[in-house]
Amino acid sequence: MPTSIITSTGCCIPSHIVYNDQFLENTFYDPDGQRLEKTNPEIIQTLYNITGIQQRRVIGDEVTNTDIAYEAAAQALEGHDRETLDYIIVAQNFGDVRNGNLRTDMVPTIAARVKHRLRIKNPYTVAYDIPFGCPGWLQGMVMADYYIRSGDARRVLVIGAETLSRVSDPHDVDCMIFADGAGATLVEAGDTKGGILSHVTRSDTYDKAWLLRLEPSYDHTRDRDELYIKMDGHDIYKYALKTVPQVVKQALEKAGLDLEDASKILMHQANAKMDHAILTRLFKLYGMTSIPETIMPMIIHWAGNSSVATIPTLLDLLLKGELDGHRVASGDNLVFASVGAGMNVNAMVYQLP
């Protein structure tokens, strides 16, 4: 049985930076449409204390999700024959949202658009999207592994691309969390030791399906047909804290590894406080209280939450040695974990060949 090896990565980090003080002029409301009593400096400081976000990256007015997905894909495919791809899988949730227009454009799929932009002629390069919340890119990697292990495919391009700034409500304090970005990974069949060792996914829809959703603006004077991303942050925090460590532990056990075997943990970066709490809970599951300082690289403080793009962007920077204080080598075990809309949780264990 072939192994699934990451042979190349790429990412697109938008150049436009939005700093925290750029939200000082926003007018914030609660879900009932009432003006928040706290001053904007207090609101901004509180959100920073929780999320760790100092700045976030957003795309320019004329740029689309397809554009940044293509840029990340082109990077990952540099030096590789595009015509030999078996699949292009794009994780995304809102399609192409034009600046100033909340109508999503999802036909054709972002994957089809990227394949078109890549000028791939091969009709058997199958292109499709995964709307799976923030864990979408990681789920794309799971699917790539299944394709490769079955022998049905040898080369799969997995992309995570999102422009959350286009669907965030400027009157909701959560708008300060969201960012844009794209990351891409080329996964190929190999016969070497390592690669994707295991993965676990769960979907808790029975009573958690609507913790993340689309709703009208908190400013009730705005068009009620316009929908923005909304979330029950406190409930998501509790859910993530309970389930993510369990799923990571399951993935490690499935790979026959212990937590001490993990070199790095690459977690979806939605909230720095939540990620550190999840890490602490994970170590407690193993009866451990001492957490290595460099086990969980973080970029949320300058990149914000770019949904499906956070982990592949983090991976690209890590593998290219562009994260200060973080280096990896052959034989290292990387643990991936994500949580998001659905509610969906997944984890994957990958050993560097």
Protein backbone atom coordinates (compact mmCIF):
# COMPACT_ATOMS: atom_id res chain seq x y z
CA MET A 1 0.00 0.00 0.00
CA PRO A 2 1.45 3.40 -0.97
CA THR A 3 2.05 6.10 1.61
CA SER A 4 0.73 9.66 1.27
CA ILE A 5 3.65 12.09 1.20
CA ILE A 6 3.57 15.89 1.20
CA THR A 7 6.02 16.83 -1.55
CA SER A 8 5.38 20.55 -1.90
CA THR A 9 3.49 23.42 -0.27
CA GLY A 10 2.52 27.00 -1.05
CA CYS A 11 0.55 29.84 0.46
CA CYS A 12 -0.86 33.26 -0.32
CA ILE A 13 -0.72 35.73 2.56
CA PRO A 14 -2.45 38.98 1.54
CA SER A 15 -0.21 42.02 1.82
CA HIS A 16 -2.86 44.37 3.19
CA ILE A 17 -2.64 44.61 7.01
CA VAL A 18 -5.53 45.69 9.23
CA TYR A 19 -4.34 46.73 12.71
CA ASN A 20 -6.49 46.66 15.83
CA ASP A 21 -6.74 50.44 16.07
CA GLN A 22 -8.48 50.51 12.69
CA PHE A 23 -11.63 49.28 14.48
CA LEU A 24 -11.79 52.35 16.75
CA GLU A 25 -14.40 53.98 14.49
CA ASN A 26 -16.66 50.92 14.24
CA THR A 27 -20.07 50.97 15.91
CA PHE A 28 -20.64 47.69 17.74
CA TYR A 29 -24.01 46.21 18.75
CA ASP A 30 -25.22 43.12 20.57
CA PRO A 31 -27.46 40.50 18.86
CA ASP A 32 -30.56 42.46 19.90
CA GLY A 33 -29.32 45.53 18.06
CA GLN A 34 -28.38 47.46 21.21
CA ARG A 35 -25.22 49.57 21.21
CA LEU A 36 -22.50 48.03 23.39
CA GLU A 37 -21.80 49.96 26.57
CA LYS A 38 -18.04 49.39 26.54
CA THR A 39 -15.90 51.89 24.65
CA ASN A 40 -14.17 50.72 21.49
CA PRO A 41 -10.70 50.79 23.10
CA GLU A 42 -12.04 48.52 25.85
CA ILE A 43 -13.67 46.19 23.31
CA ILE A 44 -10.52 45.99 21.21
CA GLN A 45 -8.31 45.33 24.25
CA THR A 46 -10.63 42.61 25.53
CA LEU A 47 -10.68 40.83 22.18
CA TYR A 48 -6.89 41.06 21.94
CA ASN A 49 -6.55 39.56 25.45
CA ILE A 50 -8.68 36.61 24.37
CA THR A 51 -7.54 35.99 20.81
CA GLY A 52 -3.99 37.35 20.76
CA ILE A 53 -4.70 39.05 17.43
CA GLN A 54 -2.79 42.29 16.87
CA GLN A 55 -3.31 42.46 13.11
CA ARG A 56 -4.92 40.46 10.35
CA ARG A 57 -4.37 40.06 6.59
CA VAL A 58 -7.14 40.87 4.10
CA ILE A 59 -7.36 40.84 0.32
CA GLY A 60 -7.60 43.92 -1.89
CA ASP A 61 -10.89 45.18 -3.30
CA GLU A 62 -10.47 43.56 -6.71
CA VAL A 63 -9.13 40.22 -5.43
CA THR A 64 -11.27 37.09 -5.04
CA ASN A 65 -10.99 33.78 -3.21
CA THR A 66 -10.19 32.11 -6.54
CA ASP A 67 -7.25 34.49 -7.01
CA ILE A 68 -5.56 33.61 -3.73
CA ALA A 69 -6.36 29.88 -4.09
CA TYR A 70 -4.66 29.96 -7.49
CA GLU A 71 -1.60 31.79 -6.12
CA ALA A 72 -1.12 29.18 -3.38
CA ALA A 73 -1.65 26.36 -5.88
CA ALA A 74 0.84 27.79 -8.36
CA GLN A 75 3.47 27.96 -5.61
CA ALA A 76 2.88 24.35 -4.57
CA LEU A 77 3.03 23.14 -8.18
CA GLU A 78 6.21 24.97 -9.13
CA GLY A 79 8.50 22.47 -10.83
CA HIS A 80 5.75 19.81 -11.02
CA ASP A 81 3.77 18.60 -14.03
CA ARG A 82 0.25 19.95 -13.50
CA GLU A 83 -1.25 17.60 -16.08
CA THR A 84 -0.48 14.57 -13.89
CA LEU A 85 -2.74 15.69 -11.05
CA ASP A 86 -5.53 13.24 -10.28
CA TYR A 87 -7.53 15.56 -8.02
CA ILE A 88 -7.74 19.20 -7.05
CA ILE A 89 -9.64 19.56 -3.79
CA VAL A 90 -10.44 23.06 -2.53
CA ALA A 91 -11.68 23.59 1.00
CA GLN A 92 -13.77 26.77 1.16
CA ASN A 93 -17.12 27.84 2.58
CA PHE A 94 -18.34 31.01 0.88
CA GLY A 95 -17.14 30.83 -2.73
CA ASP A 96 -16.14 34.09 -4.39
CA VAL A 97 -17.67 37.03 -2.53
CA ARG A 98 -17.17 40.31 -4.36
CA ASN A 99 -16.21 43.38 -2.36
CA GLY A 100 -19.37 45.29 -1.38
CA ASN A 101 -21.67 42.47 -2.51
CA LEU A 102 -22.56 39.66 -0.10
CA ARG A 103 -23.93 37.37 -2.81
CA THR A 104 -21.71 34.31 -3.01
CA ASP A 105 -20.56 33.00 -6.37
CA MET A 106 -19.99 29.24 -6.19
CA VAL A 107 -20.78 28.03 -9.70
CA PRO A 108 -18.51 26.75 -11.08
CA THR A 109 -16.65 25.56 -8.00
CA ILE A 110 -13.51 27.30 -6.81
CA ALA A 111 -11.62 24.09 -7.65
CA ALA A 112 -12.89 24.23 -11.24
CA ARG A 113 -11.85 27.88 -11.49
CA VAL A 114 -8.39 27.09 -10.11
CA LYS A 115 -7.95 24.21 -12.56
CA HIS A 116 -8.97 26.57 -15.36
CA ARG A 117 -6.50 29.22 -14.19
CA LEU A 118 -3.75 26.58 -14.02
CA ARG A 119 -4.52 25.80 -17.69
CA ILE A 120 -4.75 22.06 -17.02
CA LYS A 121 -6.16 20.21 -20.04
CA ASN A 122 -6.33 16.71 -18.52
CA PRO A 123 -10.07 15.89 -18.16
CA TYR A 124 -9.26 13.26 -15.52
CA THR A 125 -7.90 15.85 -13.14
CA VAL A 126 -11.07 15.92 -11.04
CA ALA A 127 -11.75 19.25 -9.33
CA TYR A 128 -14.25 19.80 -6.53
CA ASP A 129 -14.85 21.81 -3.35
CA ILE A 130 -15.35 20.84 0.28
CA PRO A 131 -17.52 23.12 2.44
CA PHE A 132 -16.59 21.67 5.85
CA GLY A 133 -16.03 24.72 8.03
CA CYS A 134 -12.55 25.55 9.27
CA PRO A 135 -11.46 21.86 9.29
CA GLY A 136 -12.00 21.73 5.50
CA TRP A 137 -8.36 21.70 4.39
CA LEU A 138 -7.51 18.97 6.88
CA GLN A 139 -10.51 16.96 5.68
CA GLY A 140 -9.24 17.41 2.13
CA MET A 141 -5.96 15.86 3.27
CA VAL A 142 -7.91 12.93 4.75
CA MET A 143 -9.67 12.40 1.42
CA ALA A 144 -6.39 12.66 -0.48
CA ASP A 145 -4.96 9.95 1.76
CA TYR A 146 -7.91 7.68 1.05
CA TYR A 147 -7.56 8.18 -2.71
CA ILE A 148 -3.84 7.46 -2.64
CA ARG A 149 -4.02 4.46 -0.33
CA SER A 150 -6.77 2.92 -2.47
CA GLY A 151 -4.51 3.15 -5.52
CA ASP A 152 -7.04 5.34 -7.33
CA ALA A 153 -4.76 8.39 -7.32
CA ARG A 154 -1.07 9.24 -7.14
CA ARG A 155 -1.09 13.05 -6.99
CA VAL A 156 -3.62 15.23 -5.20
CA LEU A 157 -3.53 18.98 -4.73
CA VAL A 158 -5.34 20.13 -1.57
CA ILE A 159 -6.07 23.84 -1.16
CA GLY A 160 -7.62 25.79 1.69
CA ALA A 161 -8.76 29.30 0.73
CA GLU A 162 -11.10 31.75 2.42
CA THR A 163 -11.97 35.45 2.47
CA LEU A 164 -13.74 35.82 5.80
CA SER A 165 -13.32 39.60 5.73
CA ARG A 166 -15.99 39.65 3.00
CA VAL A 167 -18.63 37.94 5.18
CA SER A 168 -17.90 39.52 8.57
CA ASP A 169 -20.33 41.98 10.17
CA PRO A 170 -18.54 45.28 10.94
CA HIS A 171 -21.01 45.83 13.81
CA ASP A 172 -20.17 42.52 15.52
CA VAL A 173 -17.01 42.47 17.67
CA ASP A 174 -16.15 39.07 16.18
CA CYS A 175 -15.34 40.82 12.89
CA MET A 176 -11.94 41.62 14.39
CA ILE A 177 -11.06 37.91 14.42
CA PHE A 178 -11.53 37.16 10.75
CA ALA A 179 -8.91 37.32 7.99
CA ASP A 180 -8.17 36.08 4.48
CA GLY A 181 -5.61 33.68 3.08
CA ALA A 182 -4.87 30.50 1.14
CA GLY A 183 -2.58 27.51 1.51
CA ALA A 184 -1.93 24.55 -0.79
CA THR A 185 -0.34 21.13 -0.39
CA LEU A 186 0.72 18.61 -3.01
CA VAL A 187 0.27 15.04 -1.75
CA GLU A 188 1.82 12.18 -3.70
CA ALA A 189 1.98 8.40 -3.48
CA GLY A 190 5.28 7.20 -2.11
CA ASP A 191 6.99 4.03 -0.97
CA THR A 192 9.05 5.58 1.81
CA LYS A 193 8.58 5.40 5.54
CA GLY A 194 6.41 8.13 7.02
CA GLY A 195 3.74 10.27 5.42
CA ILE A 196 0.17 10.38 6.73
CA LEU A 197 0.00 7.87 9.57
CA SER A 198 -3.56 8.34 10.79
CA HIS A 199 -6.57 10.63 10.97
CA VAL A 200 -9.83 10.91 12.89
CA THR A 201 -12.90 13.02 12.08
CA ARG A 202 -16.17 13.63 13.93
CA SER A 203 -19.29 15.74 13.21
CA ASP A 204 -21.48 16.77 16.15
CA THR A 205 -24.64 18.01 14.45
CA TYR A 206 -27.27 16.71 16.87
CA ASP A 207 -27.20 19.78 19.09
CA LYS A 208 -24.17 21.72 17.81
CA ALA A 209 -24.98 22.32 14.13
CA TRP A 210 -25.84 26.02 14.52
CA LEU A 211 -23.02 27.26 16.73
CA LEU A 212 -21.61 28.81 13.54
CA ARG A 213 -24.11 30.15 11.01
CA LEU A 214 -25.12 33.04 8.75
CA GLU A 215 -27.44 35.77 10.06
CA PRO A 216 -28.27 39.46 9.43
CA SER A 217 -26.09 42.26 10.81
CA TYR A 218 -26.30 43.26 14.47
CA ASP A 219 -27.09 46.72 13.14
CA HIS A 220 -30.81 46.17 12.64
CA THR A 221 -31.11 49.16 10.30
CA ARG A 222 -29.15 47.31 7.62
CA ASP A 223 -30.69 45.11 4.92
CA ARG A 224 -31.99 42.00 6.72
CA ASP A 225 -31.46 39.90 3.58
CA GLU A 226 -27.71 40.38 3.86
CA LEU A 227 -26.17 37.54 5.85
CA TYR A 228 -22.91 37.56 7.82
CA ILE A 229 -20.99 34.89 9.69
CA LYS A 230 -22.11 34.58 13.32
CA MET A 231 -20.93 32.34 16.11
CA ASP A 232 -21.68 31.44 19.71
CA GLY A 233 -18.11 31.94 20.84
CA HIS A 234 -18.46 30.73 24.42
CA ASP A 235 -20.23 27.51 23.42
CA ILE A 236 -17.69 26.85 20.66
CA TYR A 237 -14.90 27.35 23.19
CA LYS A 238 -16.42 24.76 25.55
CA TYR A 239 -17.07 22.32 22.71
CA ALA A 240 -13.54 22.64 21.31
CA LEU A 241 -11.95 22.27 24.73
CA LYS A 242 -13.82 19.02 25.29
CA THR A 243 -13.58 17.37 21.86
CA VAL A 244 -10.35 18.45 20.15
CA PRO A 245 -8.00 16.86 22.74
CA GLN A 246 -10.00 13.62 22.54
CA VAL A 247 -9.76 13.48 18.74
CA VAL A 248 -6.03 14.25 18.79
CA LYS A 249 -5.48 11.47 21.32
CA GLN A 250 -7.47 9.07 19.13
CA ALA A 251 -5.35 9.98 16.09
CA LEU A 252 -2.11 9.47 18.01
CA GLU A 253 -3.28 6.10 19.33
CA LYS A 254 -4.36 5.08 15.83
CA ALA A 255 -0.82 5.87 14.64
CA GLY A 256 0.67 3.89 17.51
CA LEU A 257 2.26 6.98 19.01
CA ASP A 258 2.32 8.77 22.33
CA LEU A 259 2.02 12.52 22.85
CA GLU A 260 5.74 12.62 23.66
CA ASP A 261 6.36 11.45 20.08
CA ALA A 262 4.80 14.64 18.66
CA SER A 263 7.38 17.17 17.46
CA LYS A 264 4.88 19.91 16.57
CA ILE A 265 1.15 20.43 16.95
CA LEU A 266 -0.33 22.52 14.15
CA MET A 267 -3.73 23.67 15.32
CA HIS A 268 -6.35 25.74 13.54
CA GLN A 269 -5.77 29.29 14.76
CA ALA A 270 -9.06 30.92 15.64
CA ASN A 271 -8.30 32.05 19.16
CA ALA A 272 -4.93 31.93 20.92
CA LYS A 273 -6.46 31.52 24.36
CA MET A 274 -8.59 28.61 23.14
CA ASP A 275 -5.67 26.92 21.39
CA HIS A 276 -3.51 27.09 24.51
CA ALA A 277 -6.40 25.77 26.64
CA ILE A 278 -6.87 22.86 24.20
CA LEU A 279 -3.14 22.12 24.37
CA THR A 280 -3.20 22.14 28.17
CA ARG A 281 -6.21 19.80 28.22
CA LEU A 282 -4.49 17.47 25.73
CA PHE A 283 -1.40 17.18 27.93
CA LYS A 284 -3.60 16.54 30.97
CA LEU A 285 -5.16 13.57 29.13
CA TYR A 286 -1.69 12.07 29.17
CA GLY A 287 -1.06 13.03 32.79
CA MET A 288 1.48 15.65 31.74
CA THR A 289 1.73 19.22 33.04
CA SER A 290 4.96 20.36 31.40
CA ILE A 291 4.35 21.61 27.85
CA PRO A 292 7.33 22.25 25.52
CA GLU A 293 7.41 25.96 24.62
CA THR A 294 7.94 25.36 20.91
CA ILE A 295 5.49 22.52 20.32
CA MET A 296 2.68 24.73 18.95
CA PRO A 297 3.80 27.41 16.49
CA MET A 298 1.40 30.38 16.30
CA ILE A 299 0.78 32.96 13.58
CA ILE A 300 -2.64 34.21 14.65
CA HIS A 301 -1.20 37.37 16.25
CA TRP A 302 -0.27 38.75 12.82
CA ALA A 303 -2.35 36.65 10.40
CA GLY A 304 -5.73 36.48 12.14
CA ASN A 305 -8.19 33.63 11.58
CA SER A 306 -8.28 32.71 7.90
CA SER A 307 -10.38 29.57 8.46
CA VAL A 308 -9.32 26.70 6.16
CA ALA A 309 -6.11 28.54 5.28
CA THR A 310 -4.62 28.76 8.77
CA ILE A 311 -3.07 25.28 8.97
CA PRO A 312 -1.74 24.96 5.39
CA THR A 313 -0.26 28.46 5.69
CA LEU A 314 1.35 27.50 8.98
CA LEU A 315 2.66 24.27 7.44
CA ASP A 316 4.13 26.08 4.43
CA LEU A 317 5.98 28.57 6.63
CA LEU A 318 7.20 25.79 8.93
CA LEU A 319 8.54 23.55 6.15
CA LYS A 320 10.29 26.49 4.51
CA GLY A 321 11.98 27.50 7.76
CA GLU A 322 10.19 30.85 7.94
CA LEU A 323 8.89 30.54 11.52
CA ASP A 324 11.37 31.88 14.06
CA GLY A 325 12.32 29.28 16.65
CA HIS A 326 10.67 26.41 14.80
CA ARG A 327 12.52 23.79 12.78
CA VAL A 328 11.57 20.26 11.74
CA ALA A 329 13.53 17.34 10.30
CA SER A 330 13.07 13.90 8.80
CA GLY A 331 11.35 11.55 11.22
CA ASP A 332 9.54 14.31 13.11
CA ASN A 333 5.86 13.71 13.81
CA LEU A 334 3.49 16.58 13.07
CA VAL A 335 0.02 16.55 14.61
CA PHE A 336 -2.72 18.57 12.93
CA ALA A 337 -6.05 19.49 14.53
CA SER A 338 -8.99 21.70 13.61
CA VAL A 339 -12.50 22.56 14.78
CA GLY A 340 -15.23 24.56 13.10
CA ALA A 341 -18.68 24.92 11.62
CA GLY A 342 -20.79 21.81 11.61
CA MET A 343 -19.61 21.31 14.30
CA ASN A 344 -16.71 19.37 12.84
CA VAL A 345 -13.44 18.27 14.44
CA ASN A 346 -10.55 16.42 12.86
CA ALA A 347 -6.95 15.47 13.56
CA MET A 348 -4.13 13.95 11.53
CA VAL A 349 -0.69 12.57 12.33
CA TYR A 350 2.04 13.03 9.72
CA GLN A 351 5.65 11.81 9.85
CA LEU A 352 8.19 13.73 7.80
CA PRO A 353 9.96 11.28 5.44
